[in-house]
N, C-alpha and C. Protein backbone atom coordinates (compact mmCIF):
# COMPACT_ATOMS: atom_id res chain seq x y z
N MET A 1 119.78 82.47 -13.50
CA MET A 1 118.60 83.33 -13.48
C MET A 1 119.04 84.79 -13.45
N LYS A 2 118.50 85.58 -14.38
CA LYS A 2 118.86 86.99 -14.45
C LYS A 2 117.85 87.82 -13.67
N ILE A 3 118.38 88.78 -12.90
CA ILE A 3 117.54 89.70 -12.14
C ILE A 3 117.91 91.12 -12.56
N SER A 4 116.90 91.89 -12.90
CA SER A 4 117.17 93.26 -13.31
C SER A 4 117.64 94.07 -12.10
N ARG A 5 118.27 95.17 -12.41
CA ARG A 5 118.76 96.05 -11.35
C ARG A 5 117.61 96.55 -10.48
N ARG A 6 116.50 96.92 -11.13
CA ARG A 6 115.34 97.41 -10.39
C ARG A 6 114.79 96.33 -9.46
N ARG A 7 114.69 95.08 -9.98
CA ARG A 7 114.17 93.97 -9.16
C ARG A 7 115.10 93.68 -7.98
N PHE A 8 116.41 93.79 -8.21
CA PHE A 8 117.39 93.57 -7.14
C PHE A 8 117.17 94.57 -6.00
N HIS A 9 116.97 95.84 -6.37
CA HIS A 9 116.75 96.87 -5.36
C HIS A 9 115.43 96.64 -4.61
N GLN A 10 114.41 96.21 -5.34
CA GLN A 10 113.13 95.94 -4.68
C GLN A 10 113.28 94.82 -3.64
N LEU A 11 113.99 93.75 -4.03
CA LEU A 11 114.20 92.64 -3.11
C LEU A 11 115.04 93.06 -1.90
N ALA A 12 116.07 93.87 -2.16
CA ALA A 12 116.94 94.32 -1.07
C ALA A 12 116.17 95.16 -0.06
N ILE A 13 115.32 96.07 -0.58
CA ILE A 13 114.53 96.94 0.30
C ILE A 13 113.53 96.10 1.11
N THR A 14 112.89 95.15 0.46
CA THR A 14 111.91 94.29 1.14
C THR A 14 112.57 93.48 2.25
N ASN A 15 113.72 92.89 1.94
CA ASN A 15 114.43 92.08 2.94
C ASN A 15 114.90 92.93 4.11
N THR A 16 115.39 94.14 3.81
CA THR A 16 115.84 95.03 4.87
C THR A 16 114.68 95.41 5.78
N ALA A 17 113.52 95.70 5.19
CA ALA A 17 112.34 96.06 5.97
C ALA A 17 111.92 94.91 6.88
N LEU A 18 111.96 93.71 6.33
CA LEU A 18 111.59 92.53 7.14
C LEU A 18 112.56 92.32 8.29
N LEU A 19 113.84 92.47 8.01
CA LEU A 19 114.85 92.30 9.06
C LEU A 19 114.71 93.37 10.14
N MET A 20 114.46 94.62 9.74
CA MET A 20 114.30 95.69 10.71
C MET A 20 113.08 95.45 11.59
N HIS A 21 112.00 94.95 10.97
CA HIS A 21 110.78 94.66 11.72
C HIS A 21 111.03 93.56 12.74
N TRP A 22 111.83 92.55 12.34
CA TRP A 22 112.15 91.46 13.26
C TRP A 22 113.08 91.93 14.36
N ARG A 23 114.06 92.77 14.01
CA ARG A 23 115.06 93.22 14.98
C ARG A 23 114.49 94.27 15.93
N PHE A 24 113.62 95.15 15.42
CA PHE A 24 113.04 96.20 16.23
C PHE A 24 111.52 96.06 16.19
N PRO A 25 110.94 95.25 17.06
CA PRO A 25 109.50 95.01 17.00
C PRO A 25 108.69 96.28 17.26
N THR A 26 107.49 96.29 16.73
CA THR A 26 106.60 97.43 16.94
C THR A 26 106.18 97.49 18.40
N LYS A 27 105.61 98.63 18.79
CA LYS A 27 105.16 98.77 20.18
C LYS A 27 104.11 97.73 20.51
N ALA A 28 103.23 97.45 19.56
CA ALA A 28 102.19 96.44 19.81
C ALA A 28 102.81 95.07 20.07
N MET A 29 103.84 94.74 19.27
CA MET A 29 104.53 93.46 19.48
C MET A 29 105.22 93.44 20.84
N ALA A 30 105.86 94.56 21.20
CA ALA A 30 106.56 94.63 22.48
C ALA A 30 105.59 94.51 23.65
N ASP A 31 104.39 95.18 23.52
CA ASP A 31 103.38 95.10 24.57
C ASP A 31 102.87 93.67 24.73
N THR A 32 102.66 92.99 23.60
CA THR A 32 102.20 91.60 23.64
C THR A 32 103.22 90.71 24.33
N LEU A 33 104.50 90.90 23.96
CA LEU A 33 105.57 90.11 24.56
C LEU A 33 105.64 90.37 26.06
N SER A 34 105.51 91.65 26.45
CA SER A 34 105.58 92.02 27.86
C SER A 34 104.44 91.38 28.65
N SER A 35 103.22 91.38 28.06
CA SER A 35 102.08 90.81 28.77
C SER A 35 102.21 89.29 28.88
N LYS A 36 102.81 88.66 27.85
CA LYS A 36 103.03 87.22 27.92
C LYS A 36 104.03 86.88 29.01
N GLN A 37 105.09 87.70 29.11
CA GLN A 37 106.09 87.46 30.15
C GLN A 37 105.47 87.65 31.53
N ALA A 38 104.63 88.67 31.65
CA ALA A 38 104.01 88.93 32.95
C ALA A 38 103.08 87.78 33.34
N SER A 39 102.33 87.25 32.36
CA SER A 39 101.40 86.18 32.66
C SER A 39 102.09 84.84 32.89
N SER A 40 103.38 84.75 32.48
CA SER A 40 104.09 83.50 32.68
C SER A 40 104.40 83.27 34.16
N THR A 41 104.33 84.33 34.97
CA THR A 41 104.50 84.19 36.41
C THR A 41 103.15 84.43 37.06
N SER A 42 102.56 83.39 37.58
CA SER A 42 101.23 83.53 38.19
C SER A 42 101.35 84.25 39.52
N GLU A 43 100.20 84.71 40.02
CA GLU A 43 100.17 85.46 41.27
C GLU A 43 100.77 84.65 42.41
N GLY A 44 100.56 83.36 42.41
CA GLY A 44 101.08 82.52 43.48
C GLY A 44 102.58 82.39 43.48
N GLU A 45 103.22 82.65 42.35
CA GLU A 45 104.66 82.52 42.25
C GLU A 45 105.40 83.81 42.59
N LEU A 46 104.68 84.92 42.74
CA LEU A 46 105.32 86.18 43.08
C LEU A 46 105.75 86.17 44.55
N LEU A 47 106.83 86.88 44.82
CA LEU A 47 107.36 86.96 46.18
C LEU A 47 107.09 88.33 46.78
N ASP A 48 106.86 88.35 48.08
CA ASP A 48 106.73 89.62 48.80
C ASP A 48 108.12 90.13 49.13
N LEU A 49 108.34 91.41 48.89
CA LEU A 49 109.63 92.03 49.17
C LEU A 49 109.42 93.34 49.91
N ALA A 50 110.10 93.48 51.04
CA ALA A 50 110.13 94.75 51.76
C ALA A 50 111.57 95.25 51.72
N ILE A 51 111.76 96.40 51.13
CA ILE A 51 113.11 96.90 50.92
C ILE A 51 113.12 98.42 51.10
N LYS A 52 114.20 98.92 51.68
CA LYS A 52 114.33 100.37 51.85
C LYS A 52 115.34 100.87 50.83
N VAL A 53 114.92 101.78 49.98
CA VAL A 53 115.78 102.32 48.94
C VAL A 53 115.85 103.83 49.10
N ASN A 54 117.05 104.33 49.31
CA ASN A 54 117.25 105.77 49.52
C ASN A 54 116.33 106.33 50.60
N ASN A 55 116.26 105.56 51.70
CA ASN A 55 115.47 105.93 52.88
C ASN A 55 113.97 105.91 52.67
N HIS A 56 113.51 105.27 51.61
CA HIS A 56 112.08 105.11 51.37
C HIS A 56 111.73 103.62 51.43
N GLU A 57 110.71 103.29 52.22
CA GLU A 57 110.27 101.90 52.35
C GLU A 57 109.40 101.52 51.16
N HIS A 58 109.65 100.32 50.64
CA HIS A 58 108.85 99.80 49.53
C HIS A 58 108.41 98.38 49.87
N LYS A 59 107.12 98.10 49.63
CA LYS A 59 106.61 96.73 49.76
C LYS A 59 106.07 96.34 48.40
N LEU A 60 106.65 95.30 47.83
CA LEU A 60 106.36 94.94 46.45
C LEU A 60 106.13 93.45 46.31
N LYS A 61 105.45 93.09 45.25
CA LYS A 61 105.40 91.69 44.83
C LYS A 61 106.28 91.58 43.59
N ILE A 62 107.23 90.67 43.61
CA ILE A 62 108.19 90.60 42.52
C ILE A 62 108.33 89.18 41.98
N ASP A 63 108.74 89.12 40.74
CA ASP A 63 109.12 87.86 40.11
C ASP A 63 110.42 87.41 40.79
N PRO A 64 110.50 86.15 41.23
CA PRO A 64 111.72 85.69 41.91
C PRO A 64 112.97 85.76 41.04
N ARG A 65 112.78 85.90 39.73
CA ARG A 65 113.94 85.96 38.82
C ARG A 65 114.44 87.38 38.61
N MET A 66 113.76 88.37 39.17
CA MET A 66 114.14 89.77 38.94
C MET A 66 115.43 90.12 39.66
N THR A 67 116.32 90.81 38.95
CA THR A 67 117.56 91.27 39.59
C THR A 67 117.28 92.58 40.34
N LEU A 68 118.20 92.89 41.24
CA LEU A 68 118.08 94.16 41.96
C LEU A 68 118.16 95.33 40.98
N LEU A 69 119.00 95.21 39.97
CA LEU A 69 119.12 96.27 38.97
C LEU A 69 117.79 96.52 38.27
N ASP A 70 117.12 95.46 37.85
CA ASP A 70 115.84 95.62 37.16
C ASP A 70 114.76 96.15 38.11
N LEU A 71 114.82 95.75 39.36
CA LEU A 71 113.87 96.29 40.33
C LEU A 71 114.04 97.80 40.45
N LEU A 72 115.29 98.24 40.58
CA LEU A 72 115.56 99.68 40.73
C LEU A 72 115.12 100.45 39.50
N ARG A 73 115.48 99.95 38.33
CA ARG A 73 115.22 100.69 37.10
C ARG A 73 113.77 100.58 36.64
N GLU A 74 113.21 99.37 36.67
CA GLU A 74 111.90 99.14 36.05
C GLU A 74 110.73 99.29 37.00
N ARG A 75 110.93 98.92 38.26
CA ARG A 75 109.82 99.01 39.22
C ARG A 75 109.85 100.31 40.01
N LEU A 76 111.05 100.82 40.33
CA LEU A 76 111.14 102.02 41.15
C LEU A 76 111.56 103.26 40.36
N ALA A 77 111.78 103.10 39.06
CA ALA A 77 112.12 104.21 38.16
C ALA A 77 113.36 104.98 38.61
N LEU A 78 114.31 104.27 39.22
CA LEU A 78 115.58 104.87 39.61
C LEU A 78 116.61 104.50 38.54
N THR A 79 116.60 105.27 37.47
CA THR A 79 117.40 104.92 36.29
C THR A 79 118.82 105.46 36.33
N GLY A 80 119.20 106.07 37.45
CA GLY A 80 120.59 106.50 37.58
C GLY A 80 121.55 105.32 37.60
N THR A 81 121.13 104.21 38.17
CA THR A 81 121.92 102.98 38.17
C THR A 81 121.85 102.40 36.77
N LYS A 82 123.00 102.23 36.12
CA LYS A 82 123.02 101.88 34.70
C LYS A 82 123.18 100.39 34.46
N LYS A 83 122.58 99.95 33.37
CA LYS A 83 122.77 98.58 32.91
C LYS A 83 123.84 98.62 31.83
N GLY A 84 125.01 98.08 32.15
CA GLY A 84 126.12 98.09 31.20
C GLY A 84 126.30 96.73 30.57
N CYS A 85 127.22 95.96 31.13
CA CYS A 85 127.53 94.65 30.56
C CYS A 85 126.51 93.59 30.97
N ASP A 86 125.81 93.79 32.09
CA ASP A 86 124.86 92.82 32.65
C ASP A 86 125.53 91.51 33.05
N HIS A 87 126.85 91.55 33.25
CA HIS A 87 127.60 90.34 33.64
C HIS A 87 128.52 90.61 34.83
N GLY A 88 128.37 91.75 35.50
CA GLY A 88 129.20 92.06 36.65
C GLY A 88 130.64 92.36 36.31
N GLN A 89 130.88 92.87 35.11
CA GLN A 89 132.26 93.12 34.68
C GLN A 89 132.59 94.59 34.52
N CYS A 90 131.58 95.46 34.46
CA CYS A 90 131.88 96.88 34.18
C CYS A 90 131.65 97.79 35.37
N GLY A 91 130.77 97.41 36.29
CA GLY A 91 130.53 98.21 37.48
C GLY A 91 129.54 99.35 37.31
N ALA A 92 128.93 99.50 36.13
CA ALA A 92 127.99 100.60 35.91
C ALA A 92 126.76 100.49 36.81
N CYS A 93 126.47 99.29 37.30
CA CYS A 93 125.28 99.05 38.11
C CYS A 93 125.57 99.06 39.61
N THR A 94 126.74 99.54 40.02
CA THR A 94 127.13 99.49 41.43
C THR A 94 126.18 100.31 42.30
N VAL A 95 125.72 99.67 43.38
CA VAL A 95 124.92 100.35 44.41
C VAL A 95 125.46 99.91 45.77
N LEU A 96 125.00 100.58 46.80
CA LEU A 96 125.36 100.19 48.16
C LEU A 96 124.19 99.43 48.78
N VAL A 97 124.48 98.27 49.34
CA VAL A 97 123.49 97.50 50.10
C VAL A 97 124.02 97.36 51.51
N ASN A 98 123.29 97.95 52.45
CA ASN A 98 123.76 97.98 53.85
C ASN A 98 125.19 98.52 53.92
N ASP A 99 125.43 99.58 53.13
CA ASP A 99 126.71 100.31 53.09
C ASP A 99 127.85 99.54 52.44
N ARG A 100 127.56 98.44 51.77
CA ARG A 100 128.60 97.70 51.05
C ARG A 100 128.27 97.70 49.56
N ARG A 101 129.27 97.88 48.73
CA ARG A 101 129.02 97.96 47.29
C ARG A 101 128.80 96.58 46.69
N ILE A 102 127.86 96.52 45.78
CA ILE A 102 127.61 95.28 45.03
C ILE A 102 127.28 95.65 43.58
N TYR A 103 127.40 94.64 42.70
CA TYR A 103 126.91 94.77 41.33
C TYR A 103 125.44 94.36 41.35
N SER A 104 124.56 95.30 41.14
CA SER A 104 123.13 94.99 41.25
C SER A 104 122.63 94.10 40.11
N CYS A 105 123.39 94.01 39.02
CA CYS A 105 122.95 93.14 37.91
C CYS A 105 123.14 91.66 38.24
N LEU A 106 123.98 91.36 39.22
CA LEU A 106 124.27 89.96 39.58
C LEU A 106 123.51 89.49 40.81
N SER A 107 122.70 90.35 41.39
CA SER A 107 122.05 90.02 42.64
C SER A 107 120.54 89.98 42.46
N PHE A 108 119.93 88.87 42.86
CA PHE A 108 118.47 88.79 42.80
C PHE A 108 117.85 89.73 43.82
N ALA A 109 116.82 90.43 43.41
CA ALA A 109 116.13 91.36 44.32
C ALA A 109 115.59 90.62 45.54
N ALA A 110 115.15 89.39 45.36
CA ALA A 110 114.50 88.64 46.43
C ALA A 110 115.41 88.41 47.64
N VAL A 111 116.71 88.39 47.44
CA VAL A 111 117.62 88.14 48.57
C VAL A 111 117.83 89.40 49.41
N HIS A 112 117.26 90.51 48.99
CA HIS A 112 117.47 91.77 49.70
C HIS A 112 116.26 92.18 50.53
N ASP A 113 115.44 91.23 50.90
CA ASP A 113 114.30 91.52 51.76
C ASP A 113 114.82 92.08 53.08
N GLY A 114 114.36 93.27 53.45
CA GLY A 114 114.78 93.91 54.69
C GLY A 114 116.06 94.72 54.59
N ASP A 115 116.69 94.72 53.43
CA ASP A 115 117.95 95.45 53.27
C ASP A 115 117.73 96.93 52.99
N GLU A 116 118.81 97.70 53.17
CA GLU A 116 118.81 99.12 52.83
C GLU A 116 119.71 99.34 51.63
N VAL A 117 119.17 99.93 50.60
CA VAL A 117 119.90 100.15 49.35
C VAL A 117 120.06 101.64 49.12
N THR A 118 121.25 102.03 48.71
CA THR A 118 121.48 103.42 48.32
C THR A 118 121.93 103.44 46.88
N THR A 119 121.26 104.25 46.07
CA THR A 119 121.63 104.43 44.67
C THR A 119 122.18 105.84 44.50
N ILE A 120 122.61 106.16 43.30
CA ILE A 120 123.17 107.49 43.05
C ILE A 120 122.15 108.59 43.36
N GLU A 121 120.85 108.28 43.20
CA GLU A 121 119.82 109.28 43.48
C GLU A 121 119.74 109.60 44.98
N GLY A 122 120.19 108.67 45.81
CA GLY A 122 120.08 108.86 47.26
C GLY A 122 121.36 109.36 47.91
N LEU A 123 122.38 109.62 47.12
CA LEU A 123 123.67 110.00 47.69
C LEU A 123 123.68 111.47 48.13
N ALA A 124 123.03 112.31 47.36
CA ALA A 124 122.98 113.74 47.71
C ALA A 124 122.04 113.96 48.89
N ASN A 125 122.20 115.08 49.54
CA ASN A 125 121.32 115.47 50.64
C ASN A 125 120.39 116.57 50.12
N GLY A 126 119.28 116.15 49.54
CA GLY A 126 118.38 117.11 48.90
C GLY A 126 119.08 117.73 47.70
N ASP A 127 119.16 119.07 47.70
CA ASP A 127 119.84 119.78 46.61
C ASP A 127 121.34 119.89 46.82
N GLU A 128 121.80 119.43 47.98
CA GLU A 128 123.23 119.53 48.31
C GLU A 128 123.95 118.27 47.84
N LEU A 129 124.86 118.43 46.88
CA LEU A 129 125.56 117.28 46.33
C LEU A 129 126.48 116.66 47.37
N HIS A 130 126.69 115.37 47.22
CA HIS A 130 127.67 114.65 48.03
C HIS A 130 129.05 115.17 47.66
N PRO A 131 130.00 115.20 48.60
CA PRO A 131 131.36 115.68 48.27
C PRO A 131 131.98 114.97 47.07
N LEU A 132 131.69 113.69 46.90
CA LEU A 132 132.23 112.97 45.73
C LEU A 132 131.62 113.50 44.43
N GLN A 133 130.34 113.78 44.45
CA GLN A 133 129.70 114.32 43.26
C GLN A 133 130.31 115.67 42.90
N GLN A 134 130.52 116.50 43.93
CA GLN A 134 131.14 117.81 43.69
C GLN A 134 132.56 117.65 43.15
N ALA A 135 133.31 116.70 43.70
CA ALA A 135 134.69 116.50 43.27
C ALA A 135 134.75 115.97 41.84
N PHE A 136 133.85 115.08 41.47
CA PHE A 136 133.82 114.57 40.10
C PHE A 136 133.56 115.70 39.12
N ILE A 137 132.69 116.64 39.49
CA ILE A 137 132.43 117.79 38.63
C ILE A 137 133.67 118.69 38.55
N ALA A 138 134.26 118.97 39.71
CA ALA A 138 135.42 119.87 39.75
C ALA A 138 136.61 119.32 38.97
N HIS A 139 136.78 118.00 38.99
CA HIS A 139 137.93 117.38 38.32
C HIS A 139 137.57 116.83 36.93
N ASP A 140 136.33 117.09 36.48
CA ASP A 140 135.87 116.58 35.18
C ASP A 140 136.12 115.07 35.10
N GLY A 141 135.58 114.36 36.09
CA GLY A 141 135.80 112.91 36.19
C GLY A 141 134.84 112.09 35.36
N PHE A 142 134.40 112.63 34.24
CA PHE A 142 133.49 111.88 33.36
C PHE A 142 133.53 112.51 31.97
N GLN A 143 133.14 111.71 30.99
CA GLN A 143 132.94 112.26 29.65
C GLN A 143 131.48 112.04 29.27
N CYS A 144 131.14 110.87 28.78
CA CYS A 144 129.72 110.66 28.44
C CYS A 144 128.88 110.53 29.71
N GLY A 145 129.50 110.09 30.82
CA GLY A 145 128.79 110.01 32.10
C GLY A 145 128.06 108.71 32.36
N TYR A 146 128.09 107.78 31.40
CA TYR A 146 127.31 106.55 31.58
C TYR A 146 127.82 105.73 32.77
N CYS A 147 129.13 105.63 32.92
CA CYS A 147 129.70 104.84 34.01
C CYS A 147 129.79 105.61 35.31
N THR A 148 129.53 106.93 35.27
CA THR A 148 129.78 107.79 36.42
C THR A 148 128.99 107.41 37.67
N PRO A 149 127.69 107.09 37.58
CA PRO A 149 126.98 106.72 38.82
C PRO A 149 127.63 105.53 39.52
N GLY A 150 128.00 104.51 38.75
CA GLY A 150 128.66 103.35 39.35
C GLY A 150 130.02 103.70 39.92
N GLN A 151 130.75 104.57 39.22
CA GLN A 151 132.06 105.01 39.72
C GLN A 151 131.90 105.74 41.06
N ILE A 152 130.93 106.63 41.13
CA ILE A 152 130.73 107.41 42.36
C ILE A 152 130.27 106.51 43.51
N MET A 153 129.37 105.56 43.23
CA MET A 153 128.92 104.66 44.30
C MET A 153 130.05 103.77 44.79
N ALA A 154 130.90 103.30 43.87
CA ALA A 154 132.06 102.50 44.27
C ALA A 154 133.01 103.35 45.11
N ALA A 155 133.20 104.60 44.71
CA ALA A 155 134.07 105.51 45.45
C ALA A 155 133.52 105.79 46.85
N ALA A 156 132.20 105.90 46.97
CA ALA A 156 131.57 106.13 48.28
C ALA A 156 131.85 104.95 49.21
N ALA A 157 131.81 103.75 48.65
CA ALA A 157 132.13 102.56 49.46
C ALA A 157 133.61 102.54 49.81
N LEU A 158 134.44 102.89 48.84
CA LEU A 158 135.89 102.89 49.05
C LEU A 158 136.29 103.77 50.23
N MET A 159 135.55 104.86 50.44
CA MET A 159 135.86 105.77 51.54
C MET A 159 135.81 105.07 52.90
N LYS A 160 134.98 104.02 52.99
CA LYS A 160 134.80 103.34 54.28
C LYS A 160 135.58 102.03 54.34
N GLU A 161 136.28 101.70 53.28
CA GLU A 161 137.05 100.47 53.23
C GLU A 161 138.52 100.74 53.57
N HIS A 162 139.27 99.69 53.77
CA HIS A 162 140.67 99.83 54.19
C HIS A 162 141.59 99.72 52.98
N TRP A 163 141.89 100.86 52.39
CA TRP A 163 142.82 100.94 51.27
C TRP A 163 143.96 101.87 51.66
N GLY A 164 145.09 101.67 51.06
CA GLY A 164 146.23 102.54 51.34
C GLY A 164 145.99 103.96 50.86
N PRO A 165 146.90 104.87 51.17
CA PRO A 165 146.68 106.29 50.88
C PRO A 165 147.02 106.73 49.46
N GLY A 166 147.74 105.91 48.70
CA GLY A 166 148.26 106.35 47.42
C GLY A 166 147.28 106.23 46.26
N ASP A 167 147.64 106.86 45.14
CA ASP A 167 146.82 106.78 43.92
C ASP A 167 146.71 105.34 43.44
N ALA A 168 147.78 104.57 43.57
CA ALA A 168 147.76 103.17 43.14
C ALA A 168 146.75 102.37 43.95
N ASP A 169 146.60 102.73 45.23
CA ASP A 169 145.62 102.05 46.08
C ASP A 169 144.20 102.36 45.62
N VAL A 170 143.99 103.60 45.24
CA VAL A 170 142.67 103.99 44.73
C VAL A 170 142.37 103.25 43.43
N ARG A 171 143.36 103.19 42.55
CA ARG A 171 143.16 102.47 41.28
C ARG A 171 142.79 101.01 41.53
N GLU A 172 143.47 100.40 42.49
CA GLU A 172 143.16 99.00 42.83
C GLU A 172 141.75 98.89 43.39
N GLY A 173 141.40 99.81 44.28
CA GLY A 173 140.08 99.78 44.88
C GLY A 173 138.96 100.04 43.90
N MET A 174 139.27 100.75 42.81
CA MET A 174 138.26 101.09 41.80
C MET A 174 138.36 100.19 40.56
N SER A 175 139.16 99.16 40.64
CA SER A 175 139.43 98.36 39.44
C SER A 175 138.21 97.60 38.91
N GLY A 176 137.19 97.45 39.73
CA GLY A 176 135.98 96.78 39.26
C GLY A 176 135.02 97.68 38.50
N ASN A 177 135.40 98.93 38.33
CA ASN A 177 134.55 99.89 37.61
C ASN A 177 135.29 100.39 36.37
N LEU A 178 134.72 100.07 35.22
CA LEU A 178 135.38 100.39 33.96
C LEU A 178 134.65 101.52 33.24
N GLY A 179 135.41 102.29 32.48
CA GLY A 179 134.84 103.32 31.62
C GLY A 179 135.51 103.24 30.27
N ARG A 180 134.91 103.85 29.28
CA ARG A 180 135.47 103.80 27.93
C ARG A 180 136.23 105.06 27.57
N CYS A 181 136.27 106.01 28.48
CA CYS A 181 136.94 107.28 28.17
C CYS A 181 138.28 107.36 28.90
N GLY A 182 138.90 108.51 28.83
CA GLY A 182 140.21 108.68 29.45
C GLY A 182 140.15 109.43 30.75
N ALA A 183 139.04 109.28 31.51
CA ALA A 183 138.85 110.09 32.72
C ALA A 183 139.40 109.42 33.98
N TYR A 184 140.09 108.31 33.85
CA TYR A 184 140.57 107.60 35.04
C TYR A 184 141.44 108.49 35.93
N VAL A 185 142.35 109.24 35.33
CA VAL A 185 143.24 110.11 36.11
C VAL A 185 142.41 111.13 36.90
N ASN A 186 141.41 111.69 36.26
CA ASN A 186 140.55 112.69 36.91
C ASN A 186 139.71 112.05 38.02
N ILE A 187 139.27 110.81 37.79
CA ILE A 187 138.48 110.10 38.81
C ILE A 187 139.32 109.87 40.05
N VAL A 188 140.55 109.42 39.85
CA VAL A 188 141.45 109.21 41.00
C VAL A 188 141.68 110.52 41.74
N ALA A 189 141.90 111.60 41.00
CA ALA A 189 142.13 112.91 41.63
C ALA A 189 140.91 113.35 42.44
N ALA A 190 139.71 113.12 41.91
CA ALA A 190 138.49 113.49 42.62
C ALA A 190 138.36 112.69 43.92
N ILE A 191 138.60 111.40 43.82
CA ILE A 191 138.49 110.54 45.01
C ILE A 191 139.51 110.93 46.06
N GLN A 192 140.74 111.18 45.62
CA GLN A 192 141.80 111.55 46.55
C GLN A 192 141.53 112.88 47.24
N GLU A 193 140.92 113.81 46.51
CA GLU A 193 140.59 115.10 47.13
C GLU A 193 139.63 114.89 48.30
N VAL A 194 138.63 114.03 48.10
CA VAL A 194 137.65 113.79 49.16
C VAL A 194 138.28 112.99 50.29
N ARG A 195 139.10 112.00 49.94
CA ARG A 195 139.76 111.20 50.98
C ARG A 195 140.65 112.05 51.88
N LYS A 196 141.29 113.03 51.27
CA LYS A 196 142.23 113.86 52.02
C LYS A 196 141.55 115.10 52.63
N GLY A 197 140.22 115.12 52.54
CA GLY A 197 139.48 116.24 53.16
C GLY A 197 139.63 117.53 52.41
N GLY A 198 139.70 117.43 51.05
CA GLY A 198 139.83 118.62 50.22
C GLY A 198 138.57 119.45 50.22
N LYS A 199 138.51 120.34 49.26
CA LYS A 199 137.39 121.29 49.18
C LYS A 199 136.05 120.58 49.21
C-alpha cells in the first residue's frame, strides 16, 4: 500500500496528538479522575488524624492510604519537602518526626497520630535562618536545590546523632540523601562548620 508524503505527515501528526492527549490529560479529565479517586473512599473509611506540624496543630480526616509526604504537600501545602524517587532511596522527602529523621514517602500519615513533624519550612525561626541553612548558603551546598530541603533536614538530625568528628563520618551519616550535582563536598563543609560551632 502506497502512502503519499502528505498523508504520512497527517497520520503522524494525528497519532502524536492522540498520544499527547493520553499522556497529558486535560484539566477536565484530571478533575474527573480526582473526583473519582476521592469518591472511592467513603466518609466512613476516612481516619481522624491529629498531628502537629511545625508547631501548628492540625486535625484532619485522611485516606488511610495517604503517605506523610502527600499529607504535607497536598493537604497542608508544605511543598518544601520534595517528592523524588518515591521509594525511600533519594532522601528528598526527609523530615523530622519527634526529632528523628524519616523518609516521609515511605510512611503512612495515619501512623503519625499525635506526632510532631518538622519540615524545612519549620526549621527557621521566623525570618532568622537555621545555622544549617546559613551554612549551606555560605558554602554553596546546592545547585538546582531540589534535594536541598532533604539534605538540610537530614543534617539537622545528624547534629543530634552519634557520629564521629571527621568528614568521612558526615558522609556516612548523610549517605541516605542523594543529589545529582557535585555539591557533596560543599554540603560536608557546611555541616562540619555547624558541628564545630563555626560562624
